[in-house]
Amino acid sequence: MFGAFRASSVAHGGLLWKTPWKLSTTRKANVRSRLKKVDAVIEAVRASGMQCTALAKALELPKEHEMLPRDKYTVFSPHARGYRKGVHKVPKWTRLTLRTNPEGF
């Protein structure tokens, strides 16, 4: 109740991780800039003349300006309603390549 062991608001059913349900304008801009930086690195490696299978796969991916907004900010999820969920709901989404989705989604 009022002592040292009183229940916190989280223990009363509050959300522990407050993830917004949609990306803000600032976070969308950060996503676009991150994709552009990755494109620049891929282009620089290609221009250096280095060849490897990872680079060949990276060159097949669409560039940031070629992607639809749906593909930039959402990712396929078989469990989500409409089979899409915000890219910020994916764990470690800044470190993954989320540029490809199944055909038709």
C-alpha atoms as a PDB file:
ATOM      1  CA  MET A   1       0.000   0.000   0.000  1.00  0.00           C
ATOM      2  CA  PHE A   2       2.088   2.912   1.247  1.00  0.00           C
ATOM      3  CA  GLY A   3       5.267   1.176   2.430  1.00  0.00           C
ATOM      4  CA  ALA A   4       8.533   0.304   0.778  1.00  0.00           C
ATOM      5  CA  PHE A   5       6.931  -2.580  -1.132  1.00  0.00           C
ATOM      6  CA  ARG A   6       4.052  -0.743  -2.740  1.00  0.00           C
ATOM      7  CA  ALA A   7       3.063  -1.872  -6.228  1.00  0.00           C
ATOM      8  CA  SER A   8       4.325   0.197  -9.124  1.00  0.00           C
ATOM      9  CA  SER A   9       2.128   1.365 -11.988  1.00  0.00           C
ATOM     10  CA  VAL A  10       3.734  -1.255 -14.246  1.00  0.00           C
ATOM     11  CA  ALA A  11       2.743  -4.010 -11.833  1.00  0.00           C
ATOM     12  CA  HIS A  12      -0.801  -2.688 -11.998  1.00  0.00           C
ATOM     13  CA  GLY A  13      -1.019  -3.497 -15.697  1.00  0.00           C
ATOM     14  CA  GLY A  14       0.711  -0.565 -17.385  1.00  0.00           C
ATOM     15  CA  LEU A  15       2.771  -1.097 -20.506  1.00  0.00           C
ATOM     16  CA  LEU A  16       6.412  -1.810 -19.881  1.00  0.00           C
ATOM     17  CA  TRP A  17       7.632  -0.991 -23.404  1.00  0.00           C
ATOM     18  CA  LYS A  18       5.689   1.834 -24.957  1.00  0.00           C
ATOM     19  CA  THR A  19       6.155   1.311 -28.696  1.00  0.00           C
ATOM     20  CA  PRO A  20       4.123   3.750 -30.806  1.00  0.00           C
ATOM     21  CA  TRP A  21       1.703   2.114 -33.215  1.00  0.00           C
ATOM     22  CA  LYS A  22       3.013   4.098 -36.178  1.00  0.00           C
ATOM     23  CA  LEU A  23       6.285   5.718 -37.170  1.00  0.00           C
ATOM     24  CA  SER A  24       6.625   9.438 -36.600  1.00  0.00           C
ATOM     25  CA  THR A  25       7.805  11.760 -39.358  1.00  0.00           C
ATOM     26  CA  THR A  26      11.246  11.998 -37.748  1.00  0.00           C
ATOM     27  CA  ARG A  27      11.636   8.236 -37.504  1.00  0.00           C
ATOM     28  CA  LYS A  28      10.560   7.853 -41.141  1.00  0.00           C
ATOM     29  CA  ALA A  29      13.236  10.360 -42.150  1.00  0.00           C
ATOM     30  CA  ASN A  30      15.793   8.375 -40.150  1.00  0.00           C
ATOM     31  CA  VAL A  31      14.733   5.181 -41.963  1.00  0.00           C
ATOM     32  CA  ARG A  32      15.182   6.874 -45.345  1.00  0.00           C
ATOM     33  CA  SER A  33      18.592   8.274 -44.433  1.00  0.00           C
ATOM     34  CA  ARG A  34      19.717   4.886 -43.100  1.00  0.00           C
ATOM     35  CA  LEU A  35      18.663   3.182 -46.341  1.00  0.00           C
ATOM     36  CA  LYS A  36      20.508   5.834 -48.371  1.00  0.00           C
ATOM     37  CA  LYS A  37      23.673   5.324 -46.311  1.00  0.00           C
ATOM     38  CA  VAL A  38      23.509   1.573 -46.910  1.00  0.00           C
ATOM     39  CA  ASP A  39      23.048   2.213 -50.646  1.00  0.00           C
ATOM     40  CA  ALA A  40      26.095   4.484 -50.621  1.00  0.00           C
ATOM     41  CA  VAL A  41      28.237   1.816 -48.934  1.00  0.00           C
ATOM     42  CA  ILE A  42      27.106  -0.848 -51.406  1.00  0.00           C
ATOM     43  CA  GLU A  43      27.893   1.482 -54.307  1.00  0.00           C
ATOM     44  CA  ALA A  44      31.322   2.332 -52.882  1.00  0.00           C
ATOM     45  CA  VAL A  45      32.207  -1.345 -52.492  1.00  0.00           C
ATOM     46  CA  ARG A  46      31.046  -2.050 -56.037  1.00  0.00           C
ATOM     47  CA  ALA A  47      33.099   0.875 -57.375  1.00  0.00           C
ATOM     48  CA  SER A  48      36.209  -0.395 -55.594  1.00  0.00           C
ATOM     49  CA  GLY A  49      36.185  -3.491 -57.817  1.00  0.00           C
ATOM     50  CA  MET A  50      35.725  -6.016 -55.038  1.00  0.00           C
ATOM     51  CA  GLN A  51      33.612  -9.056 -55.918  1.00  0.00           C
ATOM     52  CA  CYS A  52      31.886 -11.475 -53.541  1.00  0.00           C
ATOM     53  CA  THR A  53      28.554 -13.267 -53.243  1.00  0.00           C
ATOM     54  CA  ALA A  54      27.289 -10.908 -50.540  1.00  0.00           C
ATOM     55  CA  LEU A  55      27.900  -7.943 -52.843  1.00  0.00           C
ATOM     56  CA  ALA A  56      26.119  -9.707 -55.699  1.00  0.00           C
ATOM     57  CA  LYS A  57      23.084 -10.260 -53.459  1.00  0.00           C
ATOM     58  CA  ALA A  58      23.205  -6.648 -52.232  1.00  0.00           C
ATOM     59  CA  LEU A  59      23.211  -5.323 -55.795  1.00  0.00           C
ATOM     60  CA  GLU A  60      19.972  -7.228 -56.494  1.00  0.00           C
ATOM     61  CA  LEU A  61      18.149  -5.398 -53.683  1.00  0.00           C
ATOM     62  CA  PRO A  62      16.105  -2.316 -54.615  1.00  0.00           C
ATOM     63  CA  LYS A  63      17.599   1.078 -53.816  1.00  0.00           C
ATOM     64  CA  GLU A  64      15.854   3.486 -51.436  1.00  0.00           C
ATOM     65  CA  HIS A  65      14.395   5.657 -54.206  1.00  0.00           C
ATOM     66  CA  GLU A  66      13.042   2.555 -56.012  1.00  0.00           C
ATOM     67  CA  MET A  67      11.153   1.232 -52.977  1.00  0.00           C
ATOM     68  CA  LEU A  68       7.492   1.910 -52.336  1.00  0.00           C
ATOM     69  CA  PRO A  69       6.669   3.613 -49.017  1.00  0.00           C
ATOM     70  CA  ARG A  70       4.827   0.440 -48.003  1.00  0.00           C
ATOM     71  CA  ASP A  71       8.086  -1.492 -48.332  1.00  0.00           C
ATOM     72  CA  LYS A  72      10.217   1.148 -46.596  1.00  0.00           C
ATOM     73  CA  TYR A  73       8.151   1.448 -43.438  1.00  0.00           C
ATOM     74  CA  THR A  74       6.411  -1.927 -43.101  1.00  0.00           C
ATOM     75  CA  VAL A  75       7.455  -5.560 -43.301  1.00  0.00           C
ATOM     76  CA  PHE A  76       5.595  -8.779 -44.056  1.00  0.00           C
ATOM     77  CA  SER A  77       4.290 -10.617 -41.004  1.00  0.00           C
ATOM     78  CA  PRO A  78       2.114 -13.734 -41.317  1.00  0.00           C
ATOM     79  CA  HIS A  79       0.574 -13.066 -37.895  1.00  0.00           C
ATOM     80  CA  ALA A  80      -0.371  -9.400 -38.279  1.00  0.00           C
ATOM     81  CA  ARG A  81      -3.737  -8.266 -39.548  1.00  0.00           C
ATOM     82  CA  GLY A  82      -3.291  -7.414 -43.220  1.00  0.00           C
ATOM     83  CA  TYR A  83       0.020  -9.330 -43.191  1.00  0.00           C
ATOM     84  CA  ARG A  84       2.008  -6.129 -42.559  1.00  0.00           C
ATOM     85  CA  LYS A  85       3.478  -4.562 -39.446  1.00  0.00           C
ATOM     86  CA  GLY A  86       5.556  -1.476 -38.830  1.00  0.00           C
ATOM     87  CA  VAL A  87       9.263  -1.920 -39.370  1.00  0.00           C
ATOM     88  CA  HIS A  88       9.946  -0.495 -35.903  1.00  0.00           C
ATOM     89  CA  LYS A  89       8.139  -3.463 -34.309  1.00  0.00           C
ATOM     90  CA  VAL A  90      10.787  -5.888 -35.631  1.00  0.00           C
ATOM     91  CA  PRO A  91      13.559  -6.645 -33.109  1.00  0.00           C
ATOM     92  CA  LYS A  92      16.907  -5.184 -34.216  1.00  0.00           C
ATOM     93  CA  TRP A  93      15.284  -3.772 -37.365  1.00  0.00           C
ATOM     94  CA  THR A  94      18.131  -1.307 -37.948  1.00  0.00           C
ATOM     95  CA  ARG A  95      20.568  -4.206 -38.420  1.00  0.00           C
ATOM     96  CA  LEU A  96      18.467  -6.380 -40.751  1.00  0.00           C
ATOM     97  CA  THR A  97      17.867  -6.185 -44.480  1.00  0.00           C
ATOM     98  CA  LEU A  98      14.106  -5.793 -44.696  1.00  0.00           C
ATOM     99  CA  ARG A  99      13.970  -4.695 -48.339  1.00  0.00           C
ATOM    100  CA  THR A 100      12.474  -7.905 -49.719  1.00  0.00           C
ATOM    101  CA  ASN A 101       9.000  -9.289 -49.089  1.00  0.00           C
ATOM    102  CA  PRO A 102       7.087 -12.284 -50.480  1.00  0.00           C
ATOM    103  CA  GLU A 103       5.471 -11.766 -53.885  1.00  0.00           C
ATOM    104  CA  GLY A 104       2.066 -10.137 -53.603  1.00  0.00           C
ATOM    105  CA  PHE A 105       2.674  -8.641 -50.159  1.00  0.00           C
END
